[in-house]
Amino acid sequence: MGLVALSLPSTTNTVVDYGVVDQVAIAGLGLVLAAGVLFLGRSRVDADADGVRIRNVLVHHALPWTAVRAVRFDRSSYWGALRLENGDEVSLLGLQSFDGESAVTGVEGLRALHAAARAKDPVRPPLLYDD
C-alpha cells in the first residue's frame, strides 16, 4: 500500500485528480489493514496445572480446570474448543487446524493437563438423585 501511495501521480488530470491527501489516505488504509491482520494473529492459549487462559480476537477467558468438561478438536473444525461444565463452549482460536502438528501437540498438552487436574480433584456426585 505504501508503494501504491507513493506511486500515485500528484498531477491534475481532467479524469482523475490525485493529490497529497490521496497518497496519505492510501498509506493510512494500508496501515489499518496491516493492523487488522496483526490483530487477528494475537490469539493465544496458555495453560498450567491451575487452569487455562484464552485470548481470542476480542474476548479473554481465564478458566480453572474445574470449569472445563472436555477439550475438543474435531476433524471438521478449524480450531479447538473447550466444553465447559455449564454447557457453554469456548473457541480456541490459538489452536487452529492450519497449524498442523503444532495444533495436535497443543491439544494433547491441554488434554493431559485437564486429565491431571481431574485426577487431583475428582468430580463430586450430584446432591440430588432422580428416582
N, C-alpha and C. Protein backbone atom coordinates (compact mmCIF):
# COMPACT_ATOMS: atom_id res chain seq x y z
N MET A 1 0.82 -1.19 0.00
CA MET A 1 0.00 0.00 0.00
C MET A 1 0.86 1.26 0.00
N GLY A 2 1.98 1.19 0.70
CA GLY A 2 2.87 2.34 0.71
C GLY A 2 3.43 2.63 -0.66
N LEU A 3 3.76 1.57 -1.40
CA LEU A 3 4.26 1.72 -2.76
C LEU A 3 3.18 2.32 -3.66
N VAL A 4 1.95 1.88 -3.47
CA VAL A 4 0.84 2.44 -4.25
C VAL A 4 0.66 3.90 -3.91
N ALA A 5 0.75 4.23 -2.62
CA ALA A 5 0.56 5.62 -2.21
C ALA A 5 1.64 6.52 -2.81
N LEU A 6 2.88 6.04 -2.83
CA LEU A 6 3.96 6.86 -3.37
C LEU A 6 3.93 6.94 -4.89
N SER A 7 3.37 5.93 -5.54
CA SER A 7 3.37 5.92 -7.00
C SER A 7 2.19 6.69 -7.60
N LEU A 8 1.26 7.13 -6.77
CA LEU A 8 0.16 7.93 -7.31
C LEU A 8 0.71 9.25 -7.85
N PRO A 9 0.39 9.58 -9.06
CA PRO A 9 0.89 10.85 -9.60
C PRO A 9 0.18 12.02 -8.92
N SER A 10 0.93 13.04 -8.61
CA SER A 10 0.32 14.21 -7.98
C SER A 10 0.06 15.30 -9.01
N THR A 11 -0.41 14.89 -10.16
CA THR A 11 -0.74 15.85 -11.21
C THR A 11 -2.24 15.94 -11.35
N THR A 12 -2.68 17.02 -11.92
CA THR A 12 -4.10 17.22 -12.16
C THR A 12 -4.42 16.76 -13.57
N ASN A 13 -5.43 15.95 -13.68
CA ASN A 13 -5.88 15.41 -14.95
C ASN A 13 -7.37 15.71 -15.06
N THR A 14 -7.87 15.75 -16.23
CA THR A 14 -9.30 16.03 -16.37
C THR A 14 -10.15 14.87 -15.89
N VAL A 15 -9.58 13.66 -15.87
CA VAL A 15 -10.35 12.49 -15.46
C VAL A 15 -10.16 12.21 -13.97
N VAL A 16 -8.91 12.17 -13.52
CA VAL A 16 -8.60 11.83 -12.14
C VAL A 16 -7.67 12.88 -11.57
N ASP A 17 -7.94 13.27 -10.33
CA ASP A 17 -7.11 14.27 -9.67
C ASP A 17 -6.55 13.66 -8.38
N TYR A 18 -5.27 13.21 -8.41
CA TYR A 18 -4.61 12.67 -7.23
C TYR A 18 -3.77 13.75 -6.61
N GLY A 19 -3.85 13.83 -5.30
CA GLY A 19 -3.03 14.80 -4.59
C GLY A 19 -2.36 14.15 -3.39
N VAL A 20 -1.75 14.98 -2.57
CA VAL A 20 -1.06 14.50 -1.37
C VAL A 20 -2.05 13.85 -0.41
N VAL A 21 -3.25 14.40 -0.33
CA VAL A 21 -4.27 13.85 0.56
C VAL A 21 -4.61 12.42 0.15
N ASP A 22 -4.70 12.16 -1.14
CA ASP A 22 -4.98 10.81 -1.62
C ASP A 22 -3.84 9.85 -1.28
N GLN A 23 -2.61 10.32 -1.41
CA GLN A 23 -1.46 9.48 -1.07
C GLN A 23 -1.46 9.13 0.42
N VAL A 24 -1.76 10.11 1.25
CA VAL A 24 -1.81 9.87 2.70
C VAL A 24 -2.95 8.92 3.03
N ALA A 25 -4.10 9.07 2.37
CA ALA A 25 -5.24 8.20 2.63
C ALA A 25 -4.94 6.75 2.25
N ILE A 26 -4.30 6.53 1.13
CA ILE A 26 -3.94 5.17 0.71
C ILE A 26 -2.95 4.56 1.69
N ALA A 27 -1.95 5.34 2.12
CA ALA A 27 -0.99 4.85 3.10
C ALA A 27 -1.69 4.53 4.43
N GLY A 28 -2.61 5.38 4.84
CA GLY A 28 -3.38 5.13 6.07
C GLY A 28 -4.23 3.88 5.97
N LEU A 29 -4.83 3.67 4.82
CA LEU A 29 -5.63 2.46 4.60
C LEU A 29 -4.75 1.22 4.70
N GLY A 30 -3.56 1.29 4.15
CA GLY A 30 -2.62 0.17 4.26
C GLY A 30 -2.24 -0.12 5.70
N LEU A 31 -2.03 0.92 6.50
CA LEU A 31 -1.70 0.73 7.92
C LEU A 31 -2.87 0.11 8.68
N VAL A 32 -4.08 0.54 8.37
CA VAL A 32 -5.27 -0.02 9.03
C VAL A 32 -5.42 -1.50 8.68
N LEU A 33 -5.24 -1.85 7.42
CA LEU A 33 -5.34 -3.26 7.01
C LEU A 33 -4.25 -4.10 7.66
N ALA A 34 -3.03 -3.59 7.73
CA ALA A 34 -1.94 -4.32 8.37
C ALA A 34 -2.21 -4.52 9.86
N ALA A 35 -2.72 -3.49 10.52
CA ALA A 35 -3.06 -3.61 11.94
C ALA A 35 -4.16 -4.65 12.15
N GLY A 36 -5.13 -4.69 11.25
CA GLY A 36 -6.21 -5.69 11.35
C GLY A 36 -5.69 -7.10 11.22
N VAL A 37 -4.78 -7.33 10.30
CA VAL A 37 -4.20 -8.67 10.13
C VAL A 37 -3.39 -9.05 11.36
N LEU A 38 -2.60 -8.13 11.89
CA LEU A 38 -1.83 -8.41 13.10
C LEU A 38 -2.73 -8.65 14.30
N PHE A 39 -3.85 -7.93 14.38
CA PHE A 39 -4.80 -8.09 15.48
C PHE A 39 -5.41 -9.48 15.46
N LEU A 40 -5.70 -10.01 14.27
CA LEU A 40 -6.26 -11.36 14.16
C LEU A 40 -5.25 -12.42 14.58
N GLY A 41 -3.99 -12.12 14.48
CA GLY A 41 -2.96 -13.08 14.85
C GLY A 41 -2.60 -13.08 16.32
N ARG A 42 -3.30 -12.35 17.15
CA ARG A 42 -2.99 -12.26 18.57
C ARG A 42 -3.55 -13.42 19.38
N SER A 43 -4.35 -14.28 18.79
CA SER A 43 -4.99 -15.36 19.53
C SER A 43 -3.94 -16.24 20.19
N ARG A 44 -4.25 -16.66 21.44
CA ARG A 44 -3.26 -17.40 22.21
C ARG A 44 -3.96 -18.28 23.24
N VAL A 45 -3.36 -19.41 23.57
CA VAL A 45 -3.85 -20.30 24.62
C VAL A 45 -2.67 -20.62 25.53
N ASP A 46 -2.81 -20.31 26.81
CA ASP A 46 -1.80 -20.63 27.82
C ASP A 46 -2.45 -21.50 28.88
N ALA A 47 -1.77 -22.54 29.32
CA ALA A 47 -2.33 -23.43 30.33
C ALA A 47 -1.25 -23.88 31.29
N ASP A 48 -1.67 -24.16 32.52
CA ASP A 48 -0.80 -24.74 33.52
C ASP A 48 -1.65 -25.65 34.40
N ALA A 49 -1.12 -26.09 35.52
CA ALA A 49 -1.84 -27.03 36.38
C ALA A 49 -3.09 -26.40 37.00
N ASP A 50 -3.14 -25.08 37.10
CA ASP A 50 -4.27 -24.40 37.73
C ASP A 50 -5.43 -24.16 36.78
N GLY A 51 -5.15 -23.91 35.52
CA GLY A 51 -6.23 -23.60 34.58
C GLY A 51 -5.70 -23.21 33.22
N VAL A 52 -6.59 -22.62 32.44
CA VAL A 52 -6.26 -22.26 31.06
C VAL A 52 -6.66 -20.80 30.83
N ARG A 53 -5.83 -20.08 30.11
CA ARG A 53 -6.10 -18.69 29.76
C ARG A 53 -6.17 -18.60 28.24
N ILE A 54 -7.26 -18.03 27.76
CA ILE A 54 -7.52 -17.96 26.32
C ILE A 54 -7.63 -16.51 25.91
N ARG A 55 -6.88 -16.13 24.88
CA ARG A 55 -7.00 -14.78 24.31
C ARG A 55 -7.41 -14.96 22.86
N ASN A 56 -8.68 -14.71 22.59
CA ASN A 56 -9.18 -14.73 21.22
C ASN A 56 -9.14 -13.31 20.67
N VAL A 57 -9.78 -13.06 19.56
CA VAL A 57 -9.68 -11.76 18.90
C VAL A 57 -10.15 -10.63 19.82
N LEU A 58 -11.35 -10.73 20.35
CA LEU A 58 -11.90 -9.66 21.18
C LEU A 58 -12.18 -10.09 22.62
N VAL A 59 -12.09 -11.37 22.92
CA VAL A 59 -12.52 -11.90 24.21
C VAL A 59 -11.35 -12.61 24.90
N HIS A 60 -11.24 -12.39 26.20
CA HIS A 60 -10.24 -13.07 27.02
C HIS A 60 -10.97 -13.92 28.06
N HIS A 61 -10.49 -15.13 28.31
CA HIS A 61 -11.05 -16.01 29.32
C HIS A 61 -9.91 -16.53 30.19
N ALA A 62 -10.17 -16.66 31.47
CA ALA A 62 -9.27 -17.35 32.40
C ALA A 62 -10.14 -18.34 33.15
N LEU A 63 -9.93 -19.63 32.89
CA LEU A 63 -10.81 -20.66 33.44
C LEU A 63 -10.01 -21.66 34.27
N PRO A 64 -10.52 -22.03 35.45
CA PRO A 64 -9.88 -23.13 36.18
C PRO A 64 -10.27 -24.45 35.51
N TRP A 65 -9.47 -25.48 35.72
CA TRP A 65 -9.76 -26.77 35.09
C TRP A 65 -11.07 -27.36 35.59
N THR A 66 -11.52 -26.96 36.78
CA THR A 66 -12.79 -27.48 37.29
C THR A 66 -13.97 -27.00 36.47
N ALA A 67 -13.81 -25.91 35.74
CA ALA A 67 -14.90 -25.38 34.91
C ALA A 67 -14.92 -26.03 33.53
N VAL A 68 -13.89 -26.80 33.19
CA VAL A 68 -13.78 -27.39 31.85
C VAL A 68 -14.21 -28.85 31.90
N ARG A 69 -15.14 -29.21 31.03
CA ARG A 69 -15.60 -30.60 30.94
C ARG A 69 -14.73 -31.40 29.96
N ALA A 70 -14.39 -30.80 28.82
CA ALA A 70 -13.63 -31.54 27.81
C ALA A 70 -12.88 -30.57 26.90
N VAL A 71 -11.78 -31.05 26.33
CA VAL A 71 -11.03 -30.32 25.31
C VAL A 71 -11.35 -30.99 23.98
N ARG A 72 -11.92 -30.22 23.04
CA ARG A 72 -12.37 -30.78 21.77
C ARG A 72 -11.56 -30.22 20.61
N PHE A 73 -11.32 -31.09 19.65
CA PHE A 73 -10.73 -30.67 18.38
C PHE A 73 -11.22 -31.66 17.33
N ASP A 74 -12.37 -31.39 16.75
CA ASP A 74 -12.98 -32.28 15.77
C ASP A 74 -12.23 -32.18 14.44
N ARG A 75 -12.30 -33.25 13.66
CA ARG A 75 -11.62 -33.26 12.36
C ARG A 75 -12.17 -32.19 11.42
N SER A 76 -13.46 -31.88 11.54
CA SER A 76 -14.07 -30.90 10.65
C SER A 76 -13.95 -29.47 11.17
N SER A 77 -13.37 -29.28 12.34
CA SER A 77 -13.26 -27.94 12.93
C SER A 77 -12.01 -27.24 12.45
N TYR A 78 -12.09 -25.92 12.39
CA TYR A 78 -10.93 -25.12 12.04
C TYR A 78 -10.07 -24.82 13.26
N TRP A 79 -10.67 -24.87 14.46
CA TRP A 79 -9.92 -24.61 15.69
C TRP A 79 -10.50 -25.45 16.81
N GLY A 80 -9.75 -25.54 17.90
CA GLY A 80 -10.17 -26.32 19.05
C GLY A 80 -11.21 -25.58 19.87
N ALA A 81 -11.74 -26.29 20.86
CA ALA A 81 -12.76 -25.69 21.73
C ALA A 81 -12.70 -26.35 23.10
N LEU A 82 -13.13 -25.61 24.10
CA LEU A 82 -13.30 -26.15 25.44
C LEU A 82 -14.78 -26.28 25.72
N ARG A 83 -15.23 -27.45 26.09
CA ARG A 83 -16.61 -27.64 26.51
C ARG A 83 -16.63 -27.41 28.01
N LEU A 84 -17.45 -26.49 28.47
CA LEU A 84 -17.48 -26.11 29.88
C LEU A 84 -18.55 -26.89 30.63
N GLU A 85 -18.43 -26.91 31.95
CA GLU A 85 -19.38 -27.63 32.80
C GLU A 85 -20.78 -27.05 32.73
N ASN A 86 -20.91 -25.76 32.44
CA ASN A 86 -22.23 -25.13 32.37
C ASN A 86 -22.88 -25.29 30.99
N GLY A 87 -22.24 -26.05 30.09
CA GLY A 87 -22.81 -26.30 28.77
C GLY A 87 -22.31 -25.36 27.68
N ASP A 88 -21.62 -24.31 28.05
CA ASP A 88 -21.07 -23.38 27.06
C ASP A 88 -19.84 -23.99 26.39
N GLU A 89 -19.43 -23.35 25.32
CA GLU A 89 -18.23 -23.78 24.60
C GLU A 89 -17.40 -22.54 24.29
N VAL A 90 -16.11 -22.62 24.55
CA VAL A 90 -15.19 -21.52 24.29
C VAL A 90 -14.26 -21.94 23.16
N SER A 91 -14.22 -21.16 22.10
CA SER A 91 -13.34 -21.46 20.96
C SER A 91 -11.90 -21.16 21.31
N LEU A 92 -11.01 -21.97 20.79
CA LEU A 92 -9.57 -21.79 20.99
C LEU A 92 -8.96 -21.38 19.66
N LEU A 93 -9.05 -20.11 19.33
CA LEU A 93 -8.53 -19.64 18.05
C LEU A 93 -7.01 -19.72 17.97
N GLY A 94 -6.36 -19.89 19.09
CA GLY A 94 -4.91 -20.04 19.10
C GLY A 94 -4.46 -21.44 18.69
N LEU A 95 -5.39 -22.39 18.61
CA LEU A 95 -5.08 -23.76 18.18
C LEU A 95 -5.88 -24.05 16.93
N GLN A 96 -5.33 -23.74 15.78
CA GLN A 96 -6.05 -23.90 14.52
C GLN A 96 -5.53 -25.09 13.75
N SER A 97 -6.43 -25.70 12.98
CA SER A 97 -6.06 -26.90 12.21
C SER A 97 -4.99 -26.59 11.17
N PHE A 98 -4.88 -25.35 10.74
CA PHE A 98 -3.86 -24.97 9.76
C PHE A 98 -2.45 -25.06 10.34
N ASP A 99 -2.34 -25.09 11.67
CA ASP A 99 -1.03 -25.19 12.31
C ASP A 99 -0.47 -26.60 12.29
N GLY A 100 -1.26 -27.57 11.86
CA GLY A 100 -0.80 -28.94 11.69
C GLY A 100 -0.39 -29.61 12.99
N GLU A 101 0.82 -30.15 13.00
CA GLU A 101 1.31 -30.93 14.14
C GLU A 101 1.41 -30.08 15.41
N SER A 102 1.67 -28.81 15.26
CA SER A 102 1.74 -27.91 16.42
C SER A 102 0.39 -27.85 17.14
N ALA A 103 -0.70 -27.81 16.38
CA ALA A 103 -2.03 -27.78 16.99
C ALA A 103 -2.34 -29.09 17.69
N VAL A 104 -1.95 -30.21 17.08
CA VAL A 104 -2.18 -31.52 17.69
C VAL A 104 -1.41 -31.63 19.01
N THR A 105 -0.17 -31.18 19.02
CA THR A 105 0.64 -31.20 20.23
C THR A 105 0.01 -30.32 21.31
N GLY A 106 -0.49 -29.16 20.92
CA GLY A 106 -1.15 -28.26 21.87
C GLY A 106 -2.40 -28.86 22.48
N VAL A 107 -3.22 -29.50 21.67
CA VAL A 107 -4.45 -30.13 22.17
C VAL A 107 -4.10 -31.30 23.08
N GLU A 108 -3.11 -32.10 22.71
CA GLU A 108 -2.70 -33.21 23.57
C GLU A 108 -2.18 -32.70 24.91
N GLY A 109 -1.45 -31.60 24.90
CA GLY A 109 -0.97 -31.00 26.14
C GLY A 109 -2.11 -30.50 27.01
N LEU A 110 -3.10 -29.85 26.38
CA LEU A 110 -4.27 -29.38 27.14
C LEU A 110 -5.03 -30.56 27.74
N ARG A 111 -5.19 -31.62 26.96
CA ARG A 111 -5.91 -32.80 27.47
C ARG A 111 -5.15 -33.45 28.62
N ALA A 112 -3.83 -33.48 28.56
CA ALA A 112 -3.04 -34.05 29.64
C ALA A 112 -3.17 -33.21 30.91
N LEU A 113 -3.10 -31.89 30.78
CA LEU A 113 -3.28 -31.01 31.94
C LEU A 113 -4.68 -31.14 32.52
N HIS A 114 -5.67 -31.25 31.65
CA HIS A 114 -7.06 -31.40 32.09
C HIS A 114 -7.24 -32.72 32.84
N ALA A 115 -6.68 -33.81 32.31
CA ALA A 115 -6.80 -35.11 32.96
C ALA A 115 -6.09 -35.11 34.31
N ALA A 116 -4.93 -34.48 34.39
CA ALA A 116 -4.20 -34.41 35.66
C ALA A 116 -4.98 -33.61 36.70
N ALA A 117 -5.60 -32.52 36.27
CA ALA A 117 -6.39 -31.71 37.20
C ALA A 117 -7.63 -32.47 37.65
N ARG A 118 -8.25 -33.23 36.74
CA ARG A 118 -9.43 -34.03 37.09
C ARG A 118 -9.07 -35.15 38.05
N ALA A 119 -7.91 -35.76 37.88
CA ALA A 119 -7.48 -36.83 38.78
C ALA A 119 -7.21 -36.28 40.18
N LYS A 120 -6.71 -35.05 40.24
CA LYS A 120 -6.43 -34.42 41.52
C LYS A 120 -7.71 -34.00 42.23
N ASP A 121 -8.70 -33.53 41.47
CA ASP A 121 -9.99 -33.08 42.00
C ASP A 121 -11.10 -33.92 41.39
N PRO A 122 -11.43 -35.07 41.96
CA PRO A 122 -12.50 -35.88 41.35
C PRO A 122 -13.83 -35.15 41.40
N VAL A 123 -14.66 -35.45 40.43
CA VAL A 123 -15.98 -34.81 40.34
C VAL A 123 -16.87 -35.37 41.43
N ARG A 124 -17.51 -34.47 42.17
CA ARG A 124 -18.43 -34.90 43.22
C ARG A 124 -19.72 -35.39 42.60
N PRO A 125 -20.36 -36.38 43.22
CA PRO A 125 -21.65 -36.83 42.71
C PRO A 125 -22.70 -35.76 42.97
N PRO A 126 -23.79 -35.78 42.23
CA PRO A 126 -24.84 -34.78 42.45
C PRO A 126 -25.47 -34.95 43.83
N LEU A 127 -25.96 -33.84 44.37
CA LEU A 127 -26.58 -33.88 45.69
C LEU A 127 -27.95 -34.55 45.66
N LEU A 128 -28.66 -34.37 44.58
CA LEU A 128 -29.99 -34.95 44.45
C LEU A 128 -29.98 -35.96 43.31
N TYR A 129 -30.60 -37.09 43.54
CA TYR A 129 -30.68 -38.12 42.51
C TYR A 129 -32.12 -38.25 42.04
N ASP A 130 -32.27 -38.50 40.76
CA ASP A 130 -33.61 -38.76 40.22
C ASP A 130 -33.97 -40.21 40.52
N ASP A 131 -35.15 -40.41 41.06
CA ASP A 131 -35.60 -41.79 41.34
C ASP A 131 -36.47 -42.31 40.25
